Amino acid sequence: QVQLVESGGGLVQPGGSLRLSCAASGSGRSINVMGWYRQAPGKQRELVARITRGGITNYADSVKGRFTISRDNAKNAVYLQMNSLKPEDTATYYCNAALYTGVDYWGQGTQVIVSS
């Protein structure tokens, strides 16, 4: 079992920055990939960025060059630095942990609102 707790969401003006954090507790050593997904109202949940235990990353095209995902394996934590935020980045952001067994866990979500 893995429990994920996100923090760092909020209201920010266009062009601003936010840093999301996600801490995993439980079977942290079983986690292979950690990532961030988002879901805007009326839309499907989509991948934002993910990172393997070894540090390999991939990003959605819409956030490349603006968002940076990082991970601290010792703390079982993953972070998402979001810069140059746009109104279309407004969504609920979910932390995901994919175990080596193939089982997925999700956080409760943190809301990001980009608005002037």
N, C-alpha and C. Protein backbone atom coordinates (compact mmCIF):
# COMPACT_ATOMS: atom_id res chain seq x y z
N GLN A 1 0.85 -1.19 0.00
CA GLN A 1 0.00 0.00 0.00
C GLN A 1 0.88 1.23 0.00
N VAL A 2 0.44 2.20 -0.79
CA VAL A 2 1.14 3.49 -0.87
C VAL A 2 0.11 4.59 -0.68
N GLN A 3 0.43 5.53 0.16
CA GLN A 3 -0.41 6.71 0.34
C GLN A 3 0.34 7.92 -0.23
N LEU A 4 -0.38 8.72 -1.00
CA LEU A 4 0.21 9.89 -1.63
C LEU A 4 -0.50 11.15 -1.15
N VAL A 5 0.28 12.14 -0.74
CA VAL A 5 -0.28 13.40 -0.28
C VAL A 5 0.36 14.53 -1.06
N GLU A 6 -0.48 15.29 -1.77
CA GLU A 6 0.00 16.41 -2.58
C GLU A 6 -0.15 17.71 -1.81
N SER A 7 0.66 18.67 -2.20
CA SER A 7 0.54 20.02 -1.65
C SER A 7 1.12 21.00 -2.66
N GLY A 8 0.79 22.27 -2.48
CA GLY A 8 1.40 23.30 -3.29
C GLY A 8 0.51 23.97 -4.31
N GLY A 9 -0.70 23.50 -4.46
CA GLY A 9 -1.60 24.14 -5.42
C GLY A 9 -2.06 25.50 -4.93
N GLY A 10 -2.78 26.20 -5.80
CA GLY A 10 -3.29 27.50 -5.41
C GLY A 10 -3.66 28.34 -6.60
N LEU A 11 -3.87 29.61 -6.32
CA LEU A 11 -4.22 30.59 -7.35
C LEU A 11 -2.98 31.39 -7.72
N VAL A 12 -2.74 31.52 -9.01
CA VAL A 12 -1.57 32.26 -9.48
C VAL A 12 -1.94 33.02 -10.74
N GLN A 13 -1.30 34.14 -10.94
CA GLN A 13 -1.55 34.92 -12.16
C GLN A 13 -0.83 34.30 -13.35
N PRO A 14 -1.34 34.54 -14.55
CA PRO A 14 -0.62 34.07 -15.75
C PRO A 14 0.82 34.57 -15.75
N GLY A 15 1.72 33.65 -16.11
CA GLY A 15 3.14 33.97 -16.09
C GLY A 15 3.82 33.64 -14.79
N GLY A 16 3.04 33.31 -13.78
CA GLY A 16 3.59 33.02 -12.47
C GLY A 16 4.07 31.59 -12.35
N SER A 17 4.49 31.24 -11.14
CA SER A 17 5.06 29.92 -10.87
C SER A 17 4.42 29.29 -9.64
N LEU A 18 4.40 27.98 -9.64
CA LEU A 18 3.98 27.19 -8.49
C LEU A 18 4.84 25.94 -8.43
N ARG A 19 5.00 25.41 -7.23
CA ARG A 19 5.73 24.15 -7.06
C ARG A 19 4.83 23.18 -6.31
N LEU A 20 4.55 22.06 -6.97
CA LEU A 20 3.75 21.01 -6.36
C LEU A 20 4.67 19.97 -5.74
N SER A 21 4.23 19.44 -4.62
CA SER A 21 4.98 18.39 -3.95
C SER A 21 4.06 17.20 -3.70
N CYS A 22 4.64 16.02 -3.70
CA CYS A 22 3.89 14.81 -3.41
C CYS A 22 4.78 13.89 -2.59
N ALA A 23 4.29 13.52 -1.43
CA ALA A 23 5.04 12.63 -0.55
C ALA A 23 4.34 11.28 -0.49
N ALA A 24 5.12 10.24 -0.66
CA ALA A 24 4.59 8.87 -0.61
C ALA A 24 4.98 8.22 0.70
N SER A 25 4.03 7.56 1.30
CA SER A 25 4.29 6.78 2.50
C SER A 25 3.82 5.35 2.28
N GLY A 26 4.31 4.47 3.09
CA GLY A 26 3.97 3.07 2.89
C GLY A 26 5.10 2.36 2.19
N SER A 27 4.79 1.65 1.14
CA SER A 27 5.78 0.84 0.43
C SER A 27 6.51 1.68 -0.61
N GLY A 28 7.19 2.72 -0.14
CA GLY A 28 7.85 3.63 -1.06
C GLY A 28 8.90 2.98 -1.93
N ARG A 29 9.58 1.97 -1.39
CA ARG A 29 10.65 1.32 -2.17
C ARG A 29 10.10 0.53 -3.33
N SER A 30 8.80 0.29 -3.34
CA SER A 30 8.17 -0.48 -4.42
C SER A 30 7.79 0.39 -5.61
N ILE A 31 8.01 1.71 -5.46
CA ILE A 31 7.57 2.63 -6.50
C ILE A 31 8.59 2.68 -7.63
N ASN A 32 8.12 2.51 -8.85
CA ASN A 32 8.97 2.60 -10.03
C ASN A 32 8.89 4.00 -10.62
N VAL A 33 7.75 4.35 -11.11
CA VAL A 33 7.55 5.64 -11.76
C VAL A 33 6.64 6.51 -10.91
N MET A 34 7.00 7.77 -10.80
CA MET A 34 6.13 8.75 -10.15
C MET A 34 5.82 9.83 -11.17
N GLY A 35 4.61 10.35 -11.10
CA GLY A 35 4.24 11.34 -12.10
C GLY A 35 3.13 12.26 -11.64
N TRP A 36 2.87 13.23 -12.47
CA TRP A 36 1.79 14.19 -12.28
C TRP A 36 0.85 14.13 -13.47
N TYR A 37 -0.42 14.07 -13.16
CA TYR A 37 -1.47 14.13 -14.15
C TYR A 37 -2.37 15.31 -13.77
N ARG A 38 -3.17 15.74 -14.73
CA ARG A 38 -4.11 16.81 -14.42
C ARG A 38 -5.44 16.56 -15.14
N GLN A 39 -6.46 17.14 -14.54
CA GLN A 39 -7.79 17.01 -15.13
C GLN A 39 -8.50 18.35 -14.99
N ALA A 40 -8.82 18.93 -16.13
CA ALA A 40 -9.58 20.17 -16.16
C ALA A 40 -11.06 19.83 -16.22
N PRO A 41 -11.93 20.73 -15.80
CA PRO A 41 -13.37 20.47 -15.83
C PRO A 41 -13.84 20.09 -17.23
N GLY A 42 -14.55 18.98 -17.31
CA GLY A 42 -15.10 18.55 -18.58
C GLY A 42 -14.11 17.86 -19.49
N LYS A 43 -12.89 17.64 -19.01
CA LYS A 43 -11.86 17.00 -19.83
C LYS A 43 -11.36 15.73 -19.16
N GLN A 44 -10.69 14.90 -19.95
CA GLN A 44 -10.12 13.68 -19.41
C GLN A 44 -8.82 13.98 -18.68
N ARG A 45 -8.49 13.10 -17.76
CA ARG A 45 -7.22 13.23 -17.07
C ARG A 45 -6.09 12.98 -18.06
N GLU A 46 -5.04 13.79 -17.98
CA GLU A 46 -3.93 13.67 -18.91
C GLU A 46 -2.61 13.69 -18.18
N LEU A 47 -1.63 13.06 -18.78
CA LEU A 47 -0.29 13.07 -18.23
C LEU A 47 0.32 14.45 -18.38
N VAL A 48 0.97 14.91 -17.31
CA VAL A 48 1.73 16.16 -17.36
C VAL A 48 3.21 15.82 -17.47
N ALA A 49 3.70 15.03 -16.54
CA ALA A 49 5.11 14.63 -16.54
C ALA A 49 5.27 13.42 -15.63
N ARG A 50 6.30 12.62 -15.92
CA ARG A 50 6.59 11.49 -15.06
C ARG A 50 8.09 11.25 -15.04
N ILE A 51 8.53 10.55 -14.01
CA ILE A 51 9.96 10.33 -13.81
C ILE A 51 10.16 8.94 -13.21
N THR A 52 11.14 8.23 -13.75
CA THR A 52 11.44 6.90 -13.24
C THR A 52 12.35 7.01 -12.01
N ARG A 53 12.51 5.92 -11.32
CA ARG A 53 13.40 5.91 -10.16
C ARG A 53 14.81 6.30 -10.57
N GLY A 54 15.18 5.96 -11.79
CA GLY A 54 16.51 6.30 -12.29
C GLY A 54 16.64 7.72 -12.83
N GLY A 55 15.54 8.46 -12.87
CA GLY A 55 15.61 9.86 -13.27
C GLY A 55 15.24 10.15 -14.71
N ILE A 56 14.76 9.16 -15.43
CA ILE A 56 14.32 9.40 -16.81
C ILE A 56 12.97 10.09 -16.77
N THR A 57 12.85 11.17 -17.54
CA THR A 57 11.63 11.97 -17.51
C THR A 57 10.96 12.01 -18.87
N ASN A 58 9.67 12.25 -18.86
CA ASN A 58 8.99 12.64 -20.08
C ASN A 58 7.85 13.58 -19.72
N TYR A 59 7.56 14.46 -20.67
CA TYR A 59 6.61 15.54 -20.46
C TYR A 59 5.58 15.59 -21.57
N ALA A 60 4.42 16.10 -21.22
CA ALA A 60 3.44 16.43 -22.24
C ALA A 60 3.99 17.59 -23.06
N ASP A 61 3.69 17.59 -24.35
CA ASP A 61 4.20 18.65 -25.22
C ASP A 61 3.78 20.04 -24.73
N SER A 62 2.61 20.10 -24.15
CA SER A 62 2.06 21.40 -23.74
C SER A 62 2.82 22.04 -22.58
N VAL A 63 3.63 21.26 -21.88
CA VAL A 63 4.35 21.82 -20.72
C VAL A 63 5.86 21.81 -20.89
N LYS A 64 6.35 21.25 -21.98
CA LYS A 64 7.79 21.18 -22.20
C LYS A 64 8.40 22.58 -22.19
N GLY A 65 9.50 22.72 -21.48
CA GLY A 65 10.17 24.01 -21.38
C GLY A 65 9.62 24.90 -20.29
N ARG A 66 8.49 24.54 -19.72
CA ARG A 66 7.89 25.37 -18.66
C ARG A 66 7.85 24.62 -17.33
N PHE A 67 7.61 23.32 -17.36
CA PHE A 67 7.49 22.52 -16.15
C PHE A 67 8.72 21.63 -16.01
N THR A 68 9.10 21.38 -14.77
CA THR A 68 10.21 20.47 -14.48
C THR A 68 9.80 19.53 -13.36
N ILE A 69 9.92 18.24 -13.64
CA ILE A 69 9.63 17.23 -12.62
C ILE A 69 10.94 16.76 -12.01
N SER A 70 10.93 16.53 -10.72
CA SER A 70 12.11 16.01 -10.03
C SER A 70 11.65 15.04 -8.94
N ARG A 71 12.61 14.32 -8.44
CA ARG A 71 12.26 13.24 -7.51
C ARG A 71 13.35 13.08 -6.48
N ASP A 72 12.95 12.79 -5.26
CA ASP A 72 13.89 12.48 -4.18
C ASP A 72 13.57 11.07 -3.71
N ASN A 73 14.34 10.10 -4.16
CA ASN A 73 14.05 8.71 -3.83
C ASN A 73 14.19 8.44 -2.33
N ALA A 74 15.10 9.14 -1.69
CA ALA A 74 15.30 8.93 -0.25
C ALA A 74 14.07 9.35 0.54
N LYS A 75 13.37 10.35 0.04
CA LYS A 75 12.17 10.85 0.72
C LYS A 75 10.89 10.31 0.10
N ASN A 76 11.02 9.50 -0.94
CA ASN A 76 9.83 9.02 -1.66
C ASN A 76 8.93 10.18 -2.05
N ALA A 77 9.54 11.20 -2.63
CA ALA A 77 8.81 12.39 -2.98
C ALA A 77 9.04 12.77 -4.44
N VAL A 78 8.06 13.42 -5.01
CA VAL A 78 8.16 13.92 -6.38
C VAL A 78 7.66 15.36 -6.38
N TYR A 79 8.27 16.16 -7.23
CA TYR A 79 7.95 17.59 -7.27
C TYR A 79 7.67 18.00 -8.71
N LEU A 80 6.90 19.06 -8.85
CA LEU A 80 6.64 19.62 -10.16
C LEU A 80 6.79 21.13 -10.07
N GLN A 81 7.84 21.65 -10.65
CA GLN A 81 8.04 23.09 -10.73
C GLN A 81 7.36 23.59 -11.99
N MET A 82 6.42 24.48 -11.80
CA MET A 82 5.64 24.99 -12.93
C MET A 82 5.91 26.48 -13.10
N ASN A 83 6.49 26.82 -14.21
CA ASN A 83 6.80 28.22 -14.53
C ASN A 83 6.01 28.68 -15.74
N SER A 84 5.94 29.97 -15.92
CA SER A 84 5.24 30.55 -17.07
C SER A 84 3.84 29.96 -17.21
N LEU A 85 3.13 29.92 -16.11
CA LEU A 85 1.81 29.30 -16.11
C LEU A 85 0.84 30.06 -16.99
N LYS A 86 -0.05 29.29 -17.61
CA LYS A 86 -1.05 29.82 -18.51
C LYS A 86 -2.44 29.46 -17.98
N PRO A 87 -3.45 30.21 -18.38
CA PRO A 87 -4.81 29.86 -17.94
C PRO A 87 -5.19 28.42 -18.30
N GLU A 88 -4.68 27.93 -19.39
CA GLU A 88 -5.02 26.56 -19.79
C GLU A 88 -4.35 25.50 -18.92
N ASP A 89 -3.48 25.91 -18.02
CA ASP A 89 -2.90 24.98 -17.05
C ASP A 89 -3.83 24.76 -15.85
N THR A 90 -4.90 25.52 -15.80
CA THR A 90 -5.86 25.38 -14.71
C THR A 90 -6.46 23.98 -14.71
N ALA A 91 -6.34 23.30 -13.57
CA ALA A 91 -6.82 21.92 -13.46
C ALA A 91 -6.58 21.43 -12.04
N THR A 92 -7.12 20.26 -11.77
CA THR A 92 -6.74 19.55 -10.56
C THR A 92 -5.56 18.64 -10.92
N TYR A 93 -4.50 18.75 -10.16
CA TYR A 93 -3.29 17.99 -10.43
C TYR A 93 -3.20 16.81 -9.46
N TYR A 94 -2.96 15.65 -10.03
CA TYR A 94 -2.91 14.41 -9.25
C TYR A 94 -1.52 13.79 -9.31
N CYS A 95 -1.04 13.38 -8.17
CA CYS A 95 0.20 12.63 -8.09
C CYS A 95 -0.10 11.15 -8.34
N ASN A 96 0.78 10.50 -9.04
CA ASN A 96 0.62 9.08 -9.34
C ASN A 96 1.90 8.34 -8.99
N ALA A 97 1.73 7.14 -8.45
CA ALA A 97 2.86 6.26 -8.19
C ALA A 97 2.56 4.91 -8.82
N ALA A 98 3.45 4.48 -9.69
CA ALA A 98 3.29 3.20 -10.35
C ALA A 98 4.31 2.23 -9.76
N LEU A 99 3.83 1.16 -9.16
CA LEU A 99 4.73 0.20 -8.54
C LEU A 99 5.35 -0.73 -9.58
N TYR A 100 6.40 -1.40 -9.18
CA TYR A 100 7.02 -2.40 -10.05
C TYR A 100 6.05 -3.54 -10.37
N THR A 101 5.07 -3.73 -9.52
CA THR A 101 4.08 -4.79 -9.74
C THR A 101 3.04 -4.40 -10.79
N GLY A 102 3.02 -3.11 -11.16
CA GLY A 102 2.03 -2.64 -12.12
C GLY A 102 0.84 -1.96 -11.49
N VAL A 103 0.76 -1.99 -10.18
CA VAL A 103 -0.34 -1.34 -9.47
C VAL A 103 -0.09 0.17 -9.41
N ASP A 104 -1.16 0.93 -9.60
CA ASP A 104 -1.11 2.39 -9.56
C ASP A 104 -1.79 2.92 -8.30
N TYR A 105 -1.20 3.99 -7.75
CA TYR A 105 -1.84 4.71 -6.66
C TYR A 105 -1.95 6.18 -7.03
N TRP A 106 -2.99 6.82 -6.49
CA TRP A 106 -3.26 8.22 -6.81
C TRP A 106 -3.42 9.03 -5.53
N GLY A 107 -2.98 10.28 -5.61
CA GLY A 107 -3.25 11.21 -4.54
C GLY A 107 -4.65 11.77 -4.66
N GLN A 108 -5.00 12.63 -3.71
CA GLN A 108 -6.36 13.18 -3.68
C GLN A 108 -6.53 14.37 -4.61
N GLY A 109 -5.43 14.89 -5.11
CA GLY A 109 -5.48 16.02 -6.04
C GLY A 109 -5.29 17.35 -5.36
N THR A 110 -4.67 18.27 -6.08
CA THR A 110 -4.50 19.63 -5.60
C THR A 110 -4.86 20.58 -6.75
N GLN A 111 -5.60 21.61 -6.43
CA GLN A 111 -6.13 22.46 -7.48
C GLN A 111 -5.15 23.57 -7.83
N VAL A 112 -5.00 23.79 -9.11
CA VAL A 112 -4.18 24.90 -9.62
C VAL A 112 -5.09 25.78 -10.48
N ILE A 113 -5.16 27.04 -10.13
CA ILE A 113 -5.96 27.99 -10.89
C ILE A 113 -5.05 29.10 -11.37
N VAL A 114 -5.04 29.29 -12.67
CA VAL A 114 -4.22 30.35 -13.28
C VAL A 114 -5.17 31.39 -13.83
N SER A 115 -5.20 32.53 -13.18
CA SER A 115 -6.16 33.56 -13.56
C SER A 115 -5.70 34.91 -13.06
N SER A 116 -6.05 35.93 -13.83
CA SER A 116 -5.74 37.29 -13.41
C SER A 116 -6.91 37.90 -12.67
